Amino acid sequence: MKHAIRMVLWLIAAGLIVIGGLNVTLELTRHWLRQTSLSAWFCLLWVVFIVLGVILFVKASALASRLTDDFDE
């Protein structure tokens, strides 16, 4: 059970990292190609998602063991 929970947490973390990274990259590319104003708050929001994904990825094993303590015998 712990392994399954850890894998789900890793998938969520990977999704946060990929989606956040793509959004920041696309925003920077839009700014560079169209010479538009850069939305710093938009980039900062997605960087927070990347950081949360990295933290979740690192802490997934500990969190999975805490979540499955009741199910282990």
N, C-alpha and C. Protein backbone atom coordinates (compact mmCIF):
# COMPACT_ATOMS: atom_id res chain seq x y z
N MET A 1 0.82 -1.19 0.00
CA MET A 1 0.00 0.00 0.00
C MET A 1 0.87 1.26 0.00
N LYS A 2 1.96 1.22 0.74
CA LYS A 2 2.84 2.38 0.82
C LYS A 2 3.43 2.71 -0.55
N HIS A 3 3.79 1.67 -1.30
CA HIS A 3 4.38 1.88 -2.61
C HIS A 3 3.39 2.55 -3.57
N ALA A 4 2.14 2.15 -3.51
CA ALA A 4 1.12 2.73 -4.38
C ALA A 4 0.88 4.20 -4.05
N ILE A 5 0.82 4.52 -2.77
CA ILE A 5 0.63 5.91 -2.34
C ILE A 5 1.82 6.75 -2.76
N ARG A 6 3.02 6.22 -2.60
CA ARG A 6 4.23 6.95 -3.00
C ARG A 6 4.23 7.22 -4.50
N MET A 7 3.80 6.25 -5.30
CA MET A 7 3.75 6.45 -6.74
C MET A 7 2.73 7.52 -7.12
N VAL A 8 1.59 7.55 -6.45
CA VAL A 8 0.60 8.59 -6.72
C VAL A 8 1.15 9.96 -6.36
N LEU A 9 1.83 10.06 -5.23
CA LEU A 9 2.44 11.33 -4.84
C LEU A 9 3.51 11.76 -5.83
N TRP A 10 4.30 10.81 -6.33
CA TRP A 10 5.32 11.12 -7.34
C TRP A 10 4.68 11.62 -8.63
N LEU A 11 3.55 11.01 -9.02
CA LEU A 11 2.86 11.46 -10.23
C LEU A 11 2.32 12.87 -10.06
N ILE A 12 1.77 13.16 -8.90
CA ILE A 12 1.27 14.51 -8.64
C ILE A 12 2.42 15.51 -8.65
N ALA A 13 3.53 15.15 -8.01
CA ALA A 13 4.70 16.04 -7.98
C ALA A 13 5.25 16.27 -9.38
N ALA A 14 5.34 15.21 -10.17
CA ALA A 14 5.84 15.35 -11.53
C ALA A 14 4.91 16.23 -12.36
N GLY A 15 3.61 16.08 -12.15
CA GLY A 15 2.66 16.93 -12.86
C GLY A 15 2.81 18.40 -12.49
N LEU A 16 2.99 18.68 -11.21
CA LEU A 16 3.20 20.07 -10.79
C LEU A 16 4.46 20.65 -11.41
N ILE A 17 5.53 19.87 -11.44
CA ILE A 17 6.80 20.35 -11.99
C ILE A 17 6.68 20.59 -13.49
N VAL A 18 6.09 19.64 -14.20
CA VAL A 18 5.99 19.77 -15.66
C VAL A 18 5.06 20.91 -16.05
N ILE A 19 3.88 20.98 -15.46
CA ILE A 19 2.94 22.04 -15.81
C ILE A 19 3.49 23.41 -15.44
N GLY A 20 4.10 23.52 -14.26
CA GLY A 20 4.69 24.80 -13.86
C GLY A 20 5.84 25.20 -14.76
N GLY A 21 6.69 24.25 -15.11
CA GLY A 21 7.81 24.55 -15.99
C GLY A 21 7.37 24.95 -17.38
N LEU A 22 6.37 24.26 -17.91
CA LEU A 22 5.87 24.62 -19.24
C LEU A 22 5.22 26.01 -19.25
N ASN A 23 4.46 26.32 -18.23
CA ASN A 23 3.81 27.63 -18.18
C ASN A 23 4.82 28.76 -18.06
N VAL A 24 5.85 28.60 -17.23
CA VAL A 24 6.88 29.62 -17.11
C VAL A 24 7.64 29.76 -18.43
N THR A 25 7.98 28.63 -19.05
CA THR A 25 8.70 28.67 -20.32
C THR A 25 7.87 29.35 -21.41
N LEU A 26 6.58 29.01 -21.49
CA LEU A 26 5.74 29.63 -22.50
C LEU A 26 5.55 31.12 -22.25
N GLU A 27 5.44 31.52 -21.00
CA GLU A 27 5.31 32.95 -20.68
C GLU A 27 6.58 33.70 -21.06
N LEU A 28 7.74 33.13 -20.76
CA LEU A 28 9.00 33.79 -21.13
C LEU A 28 9.17 33.83 -22.65
N THR A 29 8.76 32.78 -23.33
CA THR A 29 8.85 32.76 -24.79
C THR A 29 7.92 33.78 -25.42
N ARG A 30 6.69 33.90 -24.88
CA ARG A 30 5.76 34.90 -25.37
C ARG A 30 6.32 36.30 -25.19
N HIS A 31 6.93 36.54 -24.05
CA HIS A 31 7.53 37.85 -23.78
C HIS A 31 8.68 38.12 -24.74
N TRP A 32 9.49 37.12 -25.00
CA TRP A 32 10.67 37.30 -25.84
C TRP A 32 10.28 37.49 -27.32
N LEU A 33 9.32 36.71 -27.81
CA LEU A 33 8.95 36.78 -29.22
C LEU A 33 8.08 37.98 -29.56
N ARG A 34 7.12 38.30 -28.71
CA ARG A 34 6.18 39.38 -29.02
C ARG A 34 6.57 40.71 -28.40
N GLN A 35 7.63 40.74 -27.62
CA GLN A 35 8.07 41.96 -26.93
C GLN A 35 6.95 42.56 -26.09
N THR A 36 6.22 41.69 -25.40
CA THR A 36 5.15 42.15 -24.52
C THR A 36 5.69 42.30 -23.10
N SER A 37 4.87 42.84 -22.24
CA SER A 37 5.30 42.98 -20.85
C SER A 37 5.28 41.61 -20.18
N LEU A 38 6.25 41.40 -19.34
CA LEU A 38 6.38 40.13 -18.64
C LEU A 38 5.54 40.18 -17.36
N SER A 39 4.68 39.20 -17.20
CA SER A 39 3.85 39.12 -16.01
C SER A 39 4.63 38.39 -14.91
N ALA A 40 5.21 39.17 -14.01
CA ALA A 40 6.04 38.58 -12.96
C ALA A 40 5.20 37.75 -11.99
N TRP A 41 3.97 38.18 -11.71
CA TRP A 41 3.12 37.44 -10.78
C TRP A 41 2.72 36.10 -11.36
N PHE A 42 2.47 36.06 -12.67
CA PHE A 42 2.14 34.80 -13.33
C PHE A 42 3.31 33.83 -13.24
N CYS A 43 4.52 34.32 -13.52
CA CYS A 43 5.71 33.47 -13.44
C CYS A 43 5.96 33.02 -12.00
N LEU A 44 5.79 33.92 -11.06
CA LEU A 44 6.01 33.58 -9.65
C LEU A 44 5.03 32.52 -9.18
N LEU A 45 3.79 32.61 -9.62
CA LEU A 45 2.78 31.62 -9.26
C LEU A 45 3.21 30.23 -9.73
N TRP A 46 3.66 30.12 -10.95
CA TRP A 46 4.05 28.81 -11.48
C TRP A 46 5.37 28.33 -10.91
N VAL A 47 6.26 29.24 -10.53
CA VAL A 47 7.49 28.83 -9.86
C VAL A 47 7.16 28.23 -8.49
N VAL A 48 6.15 28.77 -7.82
CA VAL A 48 5.70 28.20 -6.54
C VAL A 48 5.20 26.77 -6.76
N PHE A 49 4.49 26.53 -7.87
CA PHE A 49 4.04 25.17 -8.18
C PHE A 49 5.23 24.24 -8.40
N ILE A 50 6.27 24.72 -9.07
CA ILE A 50 7.47 23.91 -9.29
C ILE A 50 8.12 23.56 -7.96
N VAL A 51 8.25 24.55 -7.09
CA VAL A 51 8.86 24.32 -5.77
C VAL A 51 8.03 23.34 -4.94
N LEU A 52 6.71 23.50 -4.97
CA LEU A 52 5.85 22.55 -4.25
C LEU A 52 5.99 21.14 -4.81
N GLY A 53 6.12 21.01 -6.12
CA GLY A 53 6.34 19.71 -6.73
C GLY A 53 7.64 19.07 -6.30
N VAL A 54 8.70 19.86 -6.23
CA VAL A 54 10.00 19.33 -5.80
C VAL A 54 9.94 18.90 -4.34
N ILE A 55 9.30 19.72 -3.50
CA ILE A 55 9.17 19.37 -2.08
C ILE A 55 8.35 18.09 -1.92
N LEU A 56 7.26 17.99 -2.66
CA LEU A 56 6.43 16.79 -2.59
C LEU A 56 7.18 15.56 -3.09
N PHE A 57 7.98 15.75 -4.12
CA PHE A 57 8.77 14.64 -4.65
C PHE A 57 9.79 14.15 -3.62
N VAL A 58 10.41 15.07 -2.91
CA VAL A 58 11.41 14.70 -1.90
C VAL A 58 10.76 14.06 -0.68
N LYS A 59 9.63 14.58 -0.25
CA LYS A 59 8.96 14.11 0.96
C LYS A 59 7.94 13.01 0.72
N ALA A 60 7.84 12.48 -0.49
CA ALA A 60 6.80 11.51 -0.82
C ALA A 60 6.91 10.23 0.01
N SER A 61 8.11 9.74 0.23
CA SER A 61 8.27 8.50 1.00
C SER A 61 7.81 8.67 2.44
N ALA A 62 8.22 9.75 3.07
CA ALA A 62 7.82 9.99 4.45
C ALA A 62 6.32 10.22 4.56
N LEU A 63 5.77 10.95 3.61
CA LEU A 63 4.33 11.21 3.63
C LEU A 63 3.54 9.93 3.37
N ALA A 64 4.03 9.08 2.48
CA ALA A 64 3.34 7.82 2.20
C ALA A 64 3.36 6.91 3.43
N SER A 65 4.46 6.87 4.14
CA SER A 65 4.51 6.03 5.33
C SER A 65 3.60 6.57 6.44
N ARG A 66 3.49 7.89 6.56
CA ARG A 66 2.58 8.47 7.54
C ARG A 66 1.12 8.23 7.18
N LEU A 67 0.82 8.25 5.89
CA LEU A 67 -0.56 8.05 5.46
C LEU A 67 -1.00 6.58 5.58
N THR A 68 -0.06 5.65 5.54
CA THR A 68 -0.41 4.24 5.56
C THR A 68 -0.09 3.58 6.90
N ASP A 69 0.19 4.34 7.94
CA ASP A 69 0.49 3.75 9.24
C ASP A 69 -0.68 2.92 9.78
N ASP A 70 -1.89 3.36 9.54
CA ASP A 70 -3.05 2.65 10.05
C ASP A 70 -3.31 1.34 9.30
N PHE A 71 -2.89 1.28 8.04
CA PHE A 71 -3.16 0.10 7.23
C PHE A 71 -2.12 -0.99 7.40
N ASP A 72 -0.89 -0.62 7.81
CA ASP A 72 0.16 -1.62 8.03
C ASP A 72 -0.12 -2.40 9.29
N GLU A 73 0.20 -3.69 9.22
CA GLU A 73 -0.05 -4.53 10.40
C GLU A 73 1.23 -5.07 10.95
